[in-house]
Amino acid sequence: MSINFKNVGYELAKNVDVKNTLARSILNEYHDFDENVSDVAKDGLYEGFQLRYAENNPDIKKGYVFKDNGYIAVDNTTFESFKGDKIALSVGLAMSYTSQAFGAMRTKNPNVHALIKPIRDKVNTYCSNRMKDLIKAIKDIKNEGKPKNRGATNSYDVTITEWLDNLPKKCKNALARGDDTANEKRTLSAIGAFKDAYFGANRKAKVQQ
């Protein structure tokens, strides 16, 4: 057997301990961190997440030159000697644009947008997942020793309504991350159409429950 499961178990447990230690250190100074993350804290954490993503994905860092109506990856020598449009792509560069600037790039410079977007999407997902891991660790620490209360299960109508009513917020968050596939107008229109189709004449009564 090539895998030493004892070592794997030890390393996994050690990683959890490191995460919990960091989460506890945050909680000691910021008691409501799981409910209220400041912009300064979020920016710092995301910078750290991005550094780790870059370490895990070194192949992202390479030079691209504009040729034949698109950007192509080239070696360092070709990149340095190329006299036309070129981009030294990296995680740092991809994430340096504000959401607004990157969104505008889709029409102003679609070739650069197409090159950077897949990386931004993956980095944003990675950072979001690491933030969720941290928040969950903090919540788990705050709930240590507390009994778990199972609440009453909502009706299916209420579950649908709550999910639909939460979509506009999710859309705004996606736009803030630079996800240009999110569209608030279409989202609201689709929500209204779904409620009309599903609830019909009882829509107002169901929504107000």
N, C-alpha and C. Protein backbone atom coordinates (compact mmCIF):
# COMPACT_ATOMS: atom_id res chain seq x y z
N MET A 1 0.85 -1.20 0.00
CA MET A 1 0.00 0.00 0.00
C MET A 1 0.88 1.25 0.00
N SER A 2 0.70 2.11 -1.00
CA SER A 2 1.58 3.27 -1.16
C SER A 2 1.22 4.42 -0.24
N ILE A 3 -0.02 4.48 0.23
CA ILE A 3 -0.45 5.59 1.08
C ILE A 3 -0.34 5.20 2.54
N ASN A 4 0.34 6.03 3.31
CA ASN A 4 0.43 5.83 4.75
C ASN A 4 -0.72 6.60 5.40
N PHE A 5 -1.82 5.92 5.67
CA PHE A 5 -3.01 6.60 6.17
C PHE A 5 -2.80 7.18 7.57
N LYS A 6 -1.90 6.60 8.32
CA LYS A 6 -1.59 7.16 9.64
C LYS A 6 -1.02 8.57 9.49
N ASN A 7 -0.06 8.72 8.54
CA ASN A 7 0.53 10.04 8.30
C ASN A 7 -0.49 11.01 7.72
N VAL A 8 -1.33 10.49 6.82
CA VAL A 8 -2.38 11.34 6.24
C VAL A 8 -3.30 11.84 7.34
N GLY A 9 -3.72 10.94 8.21
CA GLY A 9 -4.60 11.35 9.30
C GLY A 9 -3.95 12.37 10.21
N TYR A 10 -2.68 12.17 10.50
CA TYR A 10 -1.95 13.11 11.37
C TYR A 10 -1.88 14.49 10.73
N GLU A 11 -1.52 14.53 9.44
CA GLU A 11 -1.39 15.82 8.75
C GLU A 11 -2.73 16.54 8.64
N LEU A 12 -3.79 15.77 8.36
CA LEU A 12 -5.11 16.38 8.28
C LEU A 12 -5.52 16.97 9.62
N ALA A 13 -5.29 16.22 10.69
CA ALA A 13 -5.62 16.71 12.03
C ALA A 13 -4.81 17.95 12.38
N LYS A 14 -3.54 17.95 11.98
CA LYS A 14 -2.67 19.10 12.26
C LYS A 14 -3.17 20.34 11.52
N ASN A 15 -3.59 20.16 10.27
CA ASN A 15 -4.11 21.30 9.50
C ASN A 15 -5.37 21.87 10.13
N VAL A 16 -6.24 20.99 10.64
CA VAL A 16 -7.45 21.46 11.31
C VAL A 16 -7.08 22.25 12.57
N ASP A 17 -6.07 21.77 13.29
CA ASP A 17 -5.62 22.47 14.49
C ASP A 17 -5.10 23.87 14.15
N VAL A 18 -4.35 23.97 13.06
CA VAL A 18 -3.83 25.28 12.64
C VAL A 18 -4.98 26.22 12.30
N LYS A 19 -5.96 25.71 11.55
CA LYS A 19 -7.11 26.53 11.18
C LYS A 19 -7.86 27.00 12.42
N ASN A 20 -8.09 26.09 13.35
CA ASN A 20 -8.84 26.45 14.55
C ASN A 20 -8.07 27.43 15.43
N THR A 21 -6.75 27.28 15.47
CA THR A 21 -5.92 28.21 16.25
C THR A 21 -6.02 29.62 15.68
N LEU A 22 -5.95 29.73 14.36
CA LEU A 22 -6.07 31.03 13.71
C LEU A 22 -7.47 31.62 13.91
N ALA A 23 -8.48 30.77 13.78
CA ALA A 23 -9.85 31.23 13.97
C ALA A 23 -10.06 31.73 15.40
N ARG A 24 -9.50 31.02 16.37
CA ARG A 24 -9.64 31.41 17.77
C ARG A 24 -8.92 32.73 18.05
N SER A 25 -7.77 32.94 17.40
CA SER A 25 -7.04 34.19 17.60
C SER A 25 -7.84 35.38 17.07
N ILE A 26 -8.54 35.18 15.96
CA ILE A 26 -9.39 36.24 15.42
C ILE A 26 -10.56 36.49 16.36
N LEU A 27 -11.18 35.41 16.82
CA LEU A 27 -12.35 35.53 17.69
C LEU A 27 -12.02 36.21 19.01
N ASN A 28 -10.80 36.03 19.50
CA ASN A 28 -10.40 36.67 20.76
C ASN A 28 -10.40 38.18 20.66
N GLU A 29 -10.15 38.72 19.46
CA GLU A 29 -10.11 40.17 19.29
C GLU A 29 -11.36 40.73 18.62
N TYR A 30 -11.99 39.91 17.77
CA TYR A 30 -13.17 40.35 17.04
C TYR A 30 -14.31 39.36 17.33
N HIS A 31 -15.08 39.65 18.38
CA HIS A 31 -16.05 38.69 18.89
C HIS A 31 -17.22 38.44 17.95
N ASP A 32 -17.48 39.38 17.04
CA ASP A 32 -18.59 39.19 16.10
C ASP A 32 -18.10 39.03 14.67
N PHE A 33 -16.88 38.52 14.53
CA PHE A 33 -16.28 38.42 13.20
C PHE A 33 -17.12 37.60 12.24
N ASP A 34 -17.78 36.57 12.75
CA ASP A 34 -18.58 35.70 11.88
C ASP A 34 -19.83 36.41 11.36
N GLU A 35 -20.20 37.53 11.99
CA GLU A 35 -21.37 38.28 11.56
C GLU A 35 -21.02 39.61 10.91
N ASN A 36 -19.83 40.11 11.20
CA ASN A 36 -19.47 41.45 10.73
C ASN A 36 -17.99 41.50 10.39
N VAL A 37 -17.67 41.25 9.13
CA VAL A 37 -16.28 41.28 8.65
C VAL A 37 -16.02 42.65 8.03
N SER A 38 -15.08 43.38 8.58
CA SER A 38 -14.77 44.72 8.05
C SER A 38 -14.10 44.61 6.68
N ASP A 39 -14.19 45.69 5.92
CA ASP A 39 -13.55 45.71 4.60
C ASP A 39 -12.04 45.52 4.72
N VAL A 40 -11.45 46.12 5.76
CA VAL A 40 -10.01 46.00 5.95
C VAL A 40 -9.61 44.55 6.19
N ALA A 41 -10.38 43.87 7.06
CA ALA A 41 -10.08 42.47 7.35
C ALA A 41 -10.28 41.60 6.11
N LYS A 42 -11.37 41.82 5.40
CA LYS A 42 -11.65 41.02 4.22
C LYS A 42 -10.57 41.22 3.15
N ASP A 43 -10.19 42.48 2.93
CA ASP A 43 -9.16 42.76 1.93
C ASP A 43 -7.85 42.05 2.28
N GLY A 44 -7.47 42.11 3.57
CA GLY A 44 -6.24 41.46 3.99
C GLY A 44 -6.29 39.95 3.83
N LEU A 45 -7.41 39.36 4.23
CA LEU A 45 -7.56 37.91 4.09
C LEU A 45 -7.52 37.49 2.64
N TYR A 46 -8.23 38.24 1.78
CA TYR A 46 -8.26 37.88 0.37
C TYR A 46 -6.88 38.02 -0.27
N GLU A 47 -6.11 39.00 0.16
CA GLU A 47 -4.74 39.12 -0.35
C GLU A 47 -3.93 37.88 0.02
N GLY A 48 -4.12 37.41 1.26
CA GLY A 48 -3.43 36.20 1.67
C GLY A 48 -3.91 34.97 0.92
N PHE A 49 -5.22 34.86 0.73
CA PHE A 49 -5.77 33.73 -0.04
C PHE A 49 -5.19 33.73 -1.46
N GLN A 50 -5.11 34.92 -2.04
CA GLN A 50 -4.61 35.01 -3.41
C GLN A 50 -3.14 34.62 -3.50
N LEU A 51 -2.36 34.97 -2.50
CA LEU A 51 -0.96 34.57 -2.48
C LEU A 51 -0.83 33.05 -2.48
N ARG A 52 -1.68 32.42 -1.66
CA ARG A 52 -1.62 30.96 -1.59
C ARG A 52 -2.08 30.33 -2.89
N TYR A 53 -3.10 30.90 -3.51
CA TYR A 53 -3.56 30.37 -4.80
C TYR A 53 -2.46 30.47 -5.84
N ALA A 54 -1.74 31.60 -5.82
CA ALA A 54 -0.64 31.77 -6.77
C ALA A 54 0.46 30.74 -6.54
N GLU A 55 0.74 30.43 -5.26
CA GLU A 55 1.75 29.41 -4.95
C GLU A 55 1.31 28.04 -5.45
N ASN A 56 0.01 27.76 -5.33
CA ASN A 56 -0.51 26.46 -5.76
C ASN A 56 -0.65 26.35 -7.28
N ASN A 57 -0.62 27.49 -7.96
CA ASN A 57 -0.83 27.50 -9.41
C ASN A 57 0.24 28.35 -10.10
N PRO A 58 1.50 27.94 -10.02
CA PRO A 58 2.59 28.74 -10.59
C PRO A 58 2.53 28.87 -12.11
N ASP A 59 1.82 27.95 -12.78
CA ASP A 59 1.77 27.99 -14.24
C ASP A 59 0.98 29.19 -14.77
N ILE A 60 0.22 29.84 -13.89
CA ILE A 60 -0.54 31.02 -14.33
C ILE A 60 0.41 32.14 -14.72
N LYS A 61 1.52 32.22 -14.04
CA LYS A 61 2.46 33.31 -14.27
C LYS A 61 3.27 33.05 -15.54
N LYS A 62 2.90 33.73 -16.61
CA LYS A 62 3.61 33.59 -17.88
C LYS A 62 3.33 34.80 -18.76
N GLY A 63 4.12 34.93 -19.80
CA GLY A 63 3.96 36.06 -20.71
C GLY A 63 3.08 35.73 -21.90
N TYR A 64 2.26 36.70 -22.29
CA TYR A 64 1.37 36.55 -23.45
C TYR A 64 1.61 37.71 -24.40
N VAL A 65 1.62 37.41 -25.69
CA VAL A 65 1.76 38.45 -26.70
C VAL A 65 0.52 38.42 -27.60
N PHE A 66 0.18 39.59 -28.11
CA PHE A 66 -1.00 39.68 -28.97
C PHE A 66 -0.60 39.38 -30.40
N LYS A 67 -1.17 38.29 -30.93
CA LYS A 67 -0.81 37.85 -32.27
C LYS A 67 -1.99 37.11 -32.87
N ASP A 68 -2.26 37.38 -34.14
CA ASP A 68 -3.36 36.70 -34.86
C ASP A 68 -4.70 36.88 -34.14
N ASN A 69 -4.96 38.15 -33.76
CA ASN A 69 -6.24 38.53 -33.15
C ASN A 69 -6.48 37.92 -31.77
N GLY A 70 -5.43 37.57 -31.07
CA GLY A 70 -5.60 37.02 -29.73
C GLY A 70 -4.28 36.94 -29.00
N TYR A 71 -4.34 36.72 -27.69
CA TYR A 71 -3.12 36.59 -26.88
C TYR A 71 -2.70 35.13 -26.81
N ILE A 72 -1.42 34.90 -27.03
CA ILE A 72 -0.88 33.54 -26.94
C ILE A 72 0.30 33.53 -25.98
N ALA A 73 0.46 32.42 -25.26
CA ALA A 73 1.56 32.28 -24.32
C ALA A 73 2.87 32.04 -25.07
N VAL A 74 3.93 32.69 -24.58
CA VAL A 74 5.25 32.54 -25.22
C VAL A 74 6.31 32.37 -24.13
N ASP A 75 7.51 31.97 -24.54
CA ASP A 75 8.60 31.82 -23.58
C ASP A 75 9.15 33.20 -23.21
N ASN A 76 10.00 33.24 -22.19
CA ASN A 76 10.51 34.51 -21.69
C ASN A 76 11.30 35.30 -22.72
N THR A 77 12.09 34.60 -23.52
CA THR A 77 12.91 35.28 -24.52
C THR A 77 12.03 35.96 -25.56
N THR A 78 11.03 35.25 -26.06
CA THR A 78 10.11 35.82 -27.04
C THR A 78 9.34 36.98 -26.43
N PHE A 79 8.92 36.82 -25.19
CA PHE A 79 8.15 37.87 -24.53
C PHE A 79 8.97 39.16 -24.40
N GLU A 80 10.21 39.01 -23.96
CA GLU A 80 11.05 40.19 -23.74
C GLU A 80 11.35 40.92 -25.05
N SER A 81 11.50 40.18 -26.14
CA SER A 81 11.87 40.80 -27.42
C SER A 81 10.66 41.28 -28.22
N PHE A 82 9.47 40.87 -27.83
CA PHE A 82 8.27 41.23 -28.59
C PHE A 82 7.99 42.72 -28.44
N LYS A 83 7.70 43.38 -29.57
CA LYS A 83 7.53 44.83 -29.58
C LYS A 83 6.06 45.27 -29.56
N GLY A 84 5.13 44.35 -29.75
CA GLY A 84 3.73 44.72 -29.77
C GLY A 84 3.07 44.62 -28.40
N ASP A 85 1.74 44.51 -28.40
CA ASP A 85 0.99 44.39 -27.14
C ASP A 85 1.33 43.07 -26.47
N LYS A 86 1.60 43.14 -25.18
CA LYS A 86 1.91 41.94 -24.43
C LYS A 86 1.49 42.12 -22.98
N ILE A 87 1.28 40.99 -22.31
CA ILE A 87 0.82 41.01 -20.92
C ILE A 87 1.62 39.99 -20.11
N ALA A 88 2.18 40.42 -18.99
CA ALA A 88 2.82 39.52 -18.05
C ALA A 88 1.76 39.07 -17.06
N LEU A 89 1.10 37.98 -17.37
CA LEU A 89 -0.05 37.54 -16.59
C LEU A 89 0.37 36.91 -15.26
N SER A 90 -0.38 37.23 -14.23
CA SER A 90 -0.17 36.64 -12.91
C SER A 90 -1.47 36.76 -12.13
N VAL A 91 -1.55 36.05 -11.01
CA VAL A 91 -2.74 36.17 -10.16
C VAL A 91 -2.88 37.61 -9.66
N GLY A 92 -1.74 38.21 -9.29
CA GLY A 92 -1.77 39.59 -8.82
C GLY A 92 -2.33 40.55 -9.85
N LEU A 93 -1.91 40.40 -11.10
CA LEU A 93 -2.42 41.26 -12.16
C LEU A 93 -3.91 41.02 -12.38
N ALA A 94 -4.31 39.76 -12.46
CA ALA A 94 -5.71 39.44 -12.72
C ALA A 94 -6.64 40.01 -11.67
N MET A 95 -6.17 40.05 -10.42
CA MET A 95 -7.02 40.50 -9.33
C MET A 95 -6.81 41.98 -8.99
N SER A 96 -5.97 42.65 -9.74
CA SER A 96 -5.68 44.06 -9.43
C SER A 96 -6.77 45.01 -9.92
N TYR A 97 -7.61 44.56 -10.83
CA TYR A 97 -8.66 45.41 -11.37
C TYR A 97 -9.86 45.43 -10.42
N THR A 98 -10.46 46.61 -10.25
CA THR A 98 -11.71 46.67 -9.50
C THR A 98 -12.80 45.98 -10.30
N SER A 99 -13.89 45.66 -9.63
CA SER A 99 -15.00 45.00 -10.32
C SER A 99 -15.52 45.85 -11.46
N GLN A 100 -15.60 47.16 -11.21
CA GLN A 100 -16.11 48.07 -12.23
C GLN A 100 -15.17 48.14 -13.43
N ALA A 101 -13.88 48.25 -13.13
CA ALA A 101 -12.89 48.34 -14.22
C ALA A 101 -12.86 47.06 -15.04
N PHE A 102 -12.95 45.93 -14.36
CA PHE A 102 -12.91 44.67 -15.09
C PHE A 102 -14.18 44.48 -15.91
N GLY A 103 -15.31 44.88 -15.36
CA GLY A 103 -16.56 44.78 -16.11
C GLY A 103 -16.52 45.62 -17.37
N ALA A 104 -15.95 46.85 -17.25
CA ALA A 104 -15.85 47.73 -18.41
C ALA A 104 -14.90 47.17 -19.47
N MET A 105 -13.93 46.38 -19.03
CA MET A 105 -12.95 45.81 -19.94
C MET A 105 -13.61 44.86 -20.95
N ARG A 106 -14.74 44.33 -20.59
CA ARG A 106 -15.41 43.37 -21.48
C ARG A 106 -15.71 43.98 -22.84
N THR A 107 -16.02 45.27 -22.86
CA THR A 107 -16.30 45.95 -24.13
C THR A 107 -15.11 46.77 -24.61
N LYS A 108 -14.34 47.34 -23.67
CA LYS A 108 -13.23 48.19 -24.05
C LYS A 108 -12.01 47.39 -24.55
N ASN A 109 -11.79 46.25 -23.94
CA ASN A 109 -10.65 45.42 -24.32
C ASN A 109 -11.01 43.96 -24.14
N PRO A 110 -11.87 43.44 -25.02
CA PRO A 110 -12.39 42.08 -24.85
C PRO A 110 -11.33 40.99 -24.87
N ASN A 111 -10.24 41.20 -25.58
CA ASN A 111 -9.19 40.17 -25.64
C ASN A 111 -8.51 40.00 -24.29
N VAL A 112 -8.22 41.10 -23.62
CA VAL A 112 -7.62 41.03 -22.29
C VAL A 112 -8.63 40.45 -21.31
N HIS A 113 -9.87 40.87 -21.45
CA HIS A 113 -10.94 40.37 -20.57
C HIS A 113 -11.06 38.85 -20.69
N ALA A 114 -11.04 38.35 -21.91
CA ALA A 114 -11.16 36.91 -22.14
C ALA A 114 -9.98 36.14 -21.56
N LEU A 115 -8.80 36.76 -21.58
CA LEU A 115 -7.60 36.11 -21.04
C LEU A 115 -7.64 36.03 -19.52
N ILE A 116 -8.12 37.10 -18.89
CA ILE A 116 -8.06 37.21 -17.43
C ILE A 116 -9.25 36.57 -16.73
N LYS A 117 -10.41 36.60 -17.35
CA LYS A 117 -11.64 36.19 -16.68
C LYS A 117 -11.60 34.78 -16.07
N PRO A 118 -11.12 33.76 -16.78
CA PRO A 118 -11.10 32.43 -16.17
C PRO A 118 -10.29 32.37 -14.89
N ILE A 119 -9.20 33.13 -14.86
CA ILE A 119 -8.36 33.16 -13.66
C ILE A 119 -9.07 33.87 -12.53
N ARG A 120 -9.66 35.03 -12.82
CA ARG A 120 -10.39 35.77 -11.79
C ARG A 120 -11.52 34.92 -11.21
N ASP A 121 -12.24 34.23 -12.05
CA ASP A 121 -13.35 33.40 -11.57
C ASP A 121 -12.85 32.33 -10.61
N LYS A 122 -11.77 31.66 -10.97
CA LYS A 122 -11.23 30.59 -10.12
C LYS A 122 -10.68 31.14 -8.81
N VAL A 123 -9.98 32.27 -8.89
CA VAL A 123 -9.42 32.88 -7.67
C VAL A 123 -10.55 33.35 -6.75
N ASN A 124 -11.57 33.99 -7.33
CA ASN A 124 -12.69 34.45 -6.51
C ASN A 124 -13.39 33.30 -5.81
N THR A 125 -13.57 32.19 -6.52
CA THR A 125 -14.20 31.01 -5.91
C THR A 125 -13.32 30.46 -4.79
N TYR A 126 -12.03 30.39 -5.04
CA TYR A 126 -11.10 29.89 -4.03
C TYR A 126 -11.13 30.76 -2.78
N CYS A 127 -11.06 32.08 -2.97
CA CYS A 127 -11.07 33.00 -1.84
C CYS A 127 -12.38 32.93 -1.07
N SER A 128 -13.48 32.85 -1.79
CA SER A 128 -14.79 32.75 -1.15
C SER A 128 -14.89 31.48 -0.32
N ASN A 129 -14.38 30.37 -0.83
CA ASN A 129 -14.42 29.11 -0.09
C ASN A 129 -13.53 29.15 1.15
N ARG A 130 -12.37 29.79 1.06
CA ARG A 130 -11.50 29.89 2.23
C ARG A 130 -12.13 30.79 3.29
N MET A 131 -12.82 31.84 2.86
CA MET A 131 -13.52 32.70 3.83
C MET A 131 -14.63 31.92 4.52
N LYS A 132 -15.35 31.11 3.76
CA LYS A 132 -16.41 30.28 4.35
C LYS A 132 -15.82 29.30 5.35
N ASP A 133 -14.66 28.73 5.03
CA ASP A 133 -13.99 27.82 5.96
C ASP A 133 -13.68 28.53 7.28
N LEU A 134 -13.18 29.76 7.17
CA LEU A 134 -12.82 30.53 8.37
C LEU A 134 -14.05 30.87 9.20
N ILE A 135 -15.08 31.35 8.53
CA ILE A 135 -16.31 31.72 9.24
C ILE A 135 -16.91 30.50 9.93
N LYS A 136 -16.90 29.36 9.25
CA LYS A 136 -17.44 28.14 9.86
C LYS A 136 -16.62 27.73 11.08
N ALA A 137 -15.30 27.85 10.98
CA ALA A 137 -14.45 27.50 12.12
C ALA A 137 -14.75 28.39 13.31
N ILE A 138 -14.96 29.68 13.05
CA ILE A 138 -15.27 30.62 14.12
C ILE A 138 -16.63 30.31 14.74
N LYS A 139 -17.61 30.03 13.90
CA LYS A 139 -18.95 29.68 14.40
C LYS A 139 -18.90 28.40 15.24
N ASP A 140 -18.12 27.42 14.78
CA ASP A 140 -17.99 26.17 15.52
C ASP A 140 -17.39 26.41 16.90
N ILE A 141 -16.39 27.30 16.97
CA ILE A 141 -15.77 27.61 18.26
C ILE A 141 -16.77 28.31 19.18
N LYS A 142 -17.54 29.24 18.64
CA LYS A 142 -18.53 29.96 19.44
C LYS A 142 -19.63 29.02 19.95
N ASN A 143 -19.88 27.96 19.21
CA ASN A 143 -20.95 27.04 19.58
C ASN A 143 -20.48 25.83 20.39
N GLU A 144 -19.19 25.84 20.76
CA GLU A 144 -18.67 24.73 21.53
C GLU A 144 -19.43 24.58 22.85
N GLY A 145 -19.90 23.38 23.12
CA GLY A 145 -20.61 23.11 24.36
C GLY A 145 -22.08 23.46 24.36
N LYS A 146 -22.54 24.12 23.30
CA LYS A 146 -23.95 24.49 23.23
C LYS A 146 -24.75 23.34 22.61
N PRO A 147 -25.94 23.07 23.16
CA PRO A 147 -26.77 22.02 22.56
C PRO A 147 -27.28 22.45 21.20
N LYS A 148 -27.39 21.50 20.29
CA LYS A 148 -27.89 21.79 18.96
C LYS A 148 -29.40 21.66 18.94
N ASN A 149 -30.06 22.76 18.61
CA ASN A 149 -31.51 22.76 18.54
C ASN A 149 -31.95 22.66 17.09
N ARG A 150 -32.77 21.68 16.80
CA ARG A 150 -33.27 21.50 15.45
C ARG A 150 -34.60 22.24 15.31
N GLY A 151 -34.62 23.24 14.49
CA GLY A 151 -35.82 24.03 14.30
C GLY A 151 -36.85 23.30 13.46
N ALA A 152 -38.04 23.86 13.46
CA ALA A 152 -39.12 23.27 12.67
C ALA A 152 -38.81 23.42 11.18
N THR A 153 -39.17 22.43 10.41
CA THR A 153 -38.93 22.46 8.97
C THR A 153 -39.96 23.35 8.29
N ASN A 154 -39.48 24.27 7.43
CA ASN A 154 -40.39 25.15 6.72
C ASN A 154 -41.20 24.37 5.69
N SER A 155 -42.35 24.94 5.35
CA SER A 155 -43.12 24.36 4.26
C SER A 155 -42.36 24.58 2.96
N TYR A 156 -42.72 23.80 1.94
CA TYR A 156 -42.02 23.91 0.66
C TYR A 156 -42.22 25.30 0.05
N ASP A 157 -43.43 25.86 0.19
CA ASP A 157 -43.69 27.20 -0.34
C ASP A 157 -42.78 28.24 0.32
N VAL A 158 -42.62 28.15 1.64
CA VAL A 158 -41.77 29.10 2.36
C VAL A 158 -40.31 28.91 1.95
N THR A 159 -39.89 27.66 1.78
CA THR A 159 -38.52 27.38 1.35
C THR A 159 -38.23 28.02 -0.01
N ILE A 160 -39.16 27.86 -0.94
CA ILE A 160 -38.99 28.45 -2.27
C ILE A 160 -38.93 29.96 -2.19
N THR A 161 -39.87 30.54 -1.41
CA THR A 161 -39.93 32.00 -1.30
C THR A 161 -38.65 32.57 -0.70
N GLU A 162 -38.15 31.94 0.36
CA GLU A 162 -36.93 32.43 1.00
C GLU A 162 -35.75 32.34 0.04
N TRP A 163 -35.70 31.25 -0.72
CA TRP A 163 -34.60 31.07 -1.68
C TRP A 163 -34.65 32.14 -2.77
N LEU A 164 -35.85 32.38 -3.30
CA LEU A 164 -36.00 33.39 -4.35
C LEU A 164 -35.69 34.78 -3.82
N ASP A 165 -36.16 35.08 -2.61
CA ASP A 165 -35.95 36.41 -2.04
C ASP A 165 -34.48 36.67 -1.72
N ASN A 166 -33.69 35.62 -1.61
CA ASN A 166 -32.27 35.77 -1.32
C ASN A 166 -31.42 35.93 -2.59
N LEU A 167 -32.02 35.64 -3.74
CA LEU A 167 -31.26 35.70 -4.99
C LEU A 167 -30.75 37.11 -5.34
N PRO A 168 -31.56 38.18 -5.14
CA PRO A 168 -31.02 39.52 -5.46
C PRO A 168 -29.74 39.84 -4.70
N LYS A 169 -29.67 39.43 -3.43
CA LYS A 169 -28.45 39.66 -2.64
C LYS A 169 -27.29 38.87 -3.22
N LYS A 170 -27.55 37.62 -3.60
CA LYS A 170 -26.50 36.80 -4.21
C LYS A 170 -26.02 37.42 -5.51
N CYS A 171 -26.96 37.99 -6.26
CA CYS A 171 -26.60 38.63 -7.53
C CYS A 171 -25.69 39.83 -7.29
N LYS A 172 -26.03 40.66 -6.29
CA LYS A 172 -25.20 41.83 -5.97
C LYS A 172 -23.81 41.39 -5.52
N ASN A 173 -23.75 40.33 -4.72
CA ASN A 173 -22.44 39.84 -4.28
C ASN A 173 -21.61 39.34 -5.45
N ALA A 174 -22.27 38.68 -6.40
CA ALA A 174 -21.56 38.19 -7.59
C ALA A 174 -21.01 39.36 -8.41
N LEU A 175 -21.81 40.41 -8.54
CA LEU A 175 -21.35 41.59 -9.27
C LEU A 175 -20.17 42.23 -8.56
N ALA A 176 -20.20 42.25 -7.23
CA ALA A 176 -19.11 42.84 -6.46
C ALA A 176 -17.82 42.05 -6.62
N ARG A 177 -17.95 40.72 -6.90
CA ARG A 177 -16.77 39.89 -7.12
C ARG A 177 -16.24 40.01 -8.55
N GLY A 178 -16.97 40.74 -9.39
CA GLY A 178 -16.53 40.89 -10.78
C GLY A 178 -17.12 39.86 -11.71
N ASP A 179 -18.14 39.15 -11.27
CA ASP A 179 -18.79 38.14 -12.10
C ASP A 179 -19.76 38.83 -13.06
N ASP A 180 -19.34 39.03 -14.30
CA ASP A 180 -20.16 39.78 -15.24
C ASP A 180 -21.28 38.93 -15.85
N THR A 181 -21.44 37.69 -15.39
CA THR A 181 -22.61 36.91 -15.81
C THR A 181 -23.83 37.24 -14.96
N ALA A 182 -23.61 37.92 -13.84
CA ALA A 182 -24.73 38.31 -12.96
C ALA A 182 -25.44 39.53 -13.55
N ASN A 183 -26.75 39.53 -13.49
CA ASN A 183 -27.55 40.62 -14.06
C ASN A 183 -28.76 40.85 -13.14
N GLU A 184 -28.76 42.00 -12.45
CA GLU A 184 -29.82 42.27 -11.47
C GLU A 184 -31.20 42.37 -12.13
N LYS A 185 -31.27 43.04 -13.26
CA LYS A 185 -32.55 43.24 -13.92
C LYS A 185 -33.16 41.90 -14.34
N ARG A 186 -32.35 41.04 -14.96
CA ARG A 186 -32.85 39.73 -15.39
C ARG A 186 -33.21 38.85 -14.20
N THR A 187 -32.41 38.98 -13.14
CA THR A 187 -32.69 38.19 -11.94
C THR A 187 -34.05 38.54 -11.35
N LEU A 188 -34.31 39.84 -11.19
CA LEU A 188 -35.60 40.27 -10.63
C LEU A 188 -36.76 39.87 -11.53
N SER A 189 -36.56 39.99 -12.84
CA SER A 189 -37.60 39.61 -13.80
C SER A 189 -37.89 38.11 -13.72
N ALA A 190 -36.83 37.31 -13.61
CA ALA A 190 -37.00 35.86 -13.53
C ALA A 190 -37.69 35.45 -12.23
N ILE A 191 -37.35 36.13 -11.13
CA ILE A 191 -37.99 35.83 -9.85
C ILE A 191 -39.48 36.09 -9.92
N GLY A 192 -39.84 37.26 -10.48
CA GLY A 192 -41.26 37.60 -10.61
C GLY A 192 -42.00 36.61 -11.47
N ALA A 193 -41.37 36.20 -12.59
CA ALA A 193 -42.02 35.25 -13.50
C ALA A 193 -42.20 33.90 -12.83
N PHE A 194 -41.20 33.47 -12.06
CA PHE A 194 -41.31 32.18 -11.38
C PHE A 194 -42.42 32.20 -10.33
N LYS A 195 -42.48 33.28 -9.55
CA LYS A 195 -43.52 33.38 -8.52
C LYS A 195 -44.91 33.40 -9.14
N ASP A 196 -45.04 34.13 -10.26
CA ASP A 196 -46.34 34.16 -10.94
C ASP A 196 -46.73 32.77 -11.43
N ALA A 197 -45.75 32.04 -11.98
CA ALA A 197 -46.05 30.72 -12.53
C ALA A 197 -46.31 29.69 -11.43
N TYR A 198 -45.57 29.79 -10.35
CA TYR A 198 -45.69 28.77 -9.30
C TYR A 198 -46.85 29.04 -8.34
N PHE A 199 -46.94 30.29 -7.87
CA PHE A 199 -47.96 30.62 -6.88
C PHE A 199 -49.28 31.06 -7.49
N GLY A 200 -49.21 31.59 -8.72
CA GLY A 200 -50.44 32.00 -9.40
C GLY A 200 -51.21 33.04 -8.61
N ALA A 201 -52.50 32.82 -8.48
CA ALA A 201 -53.37 33.79 -7.81
C ALA A 201 -53.06 33.89 -6.32
N ASN A 202 -52.42 32.87 -5.76
CA ASN A 202 -52.12 32.86 -4.34
C ASN A 202 -50.74 33.47 -4.03
N ARG A 203 -50.15 34.12 -5.03
CA ARG A 203 -48.77 34.58 -4.87
C ARG A 203 -48.60 35.49 -3.65
N LYS A 204 -49.44 36.53 -3.52
CA LYS A 204 -49.27 37.48 -2.41
C LYS A 204 -49.44 36.79 -1.06
N ALA A 205 -50.41 35.91 -0.98
CA ALA A 205 -50.64 35.23 0.28
C ALA A 205 -49.45 34.35 0.67
N LYS A 206 -48.87 33.66 -0.34
CA LYS A 206 -47.76 32.77 -0.07
C LYS A 206 -46.51 33.57 0.31
N VAL A 207 -46.27 34.67 -0.42
CA VAL A 207 -45.07 35.46 -0.19
C VAL A 207 -45.09 36.09 1.20
N GLN A 208 -46.29 36.45 1.71
CA GLN A 208 -46.38 37.15 2.97
C GLN A 208 -46.40 36.20 4.16
N GLN A 209 -46.39 34.90 3.95
CA GLN A 209 -46.42 33.95 5.06
C GLN A 209 -45.16 34.08 5.91
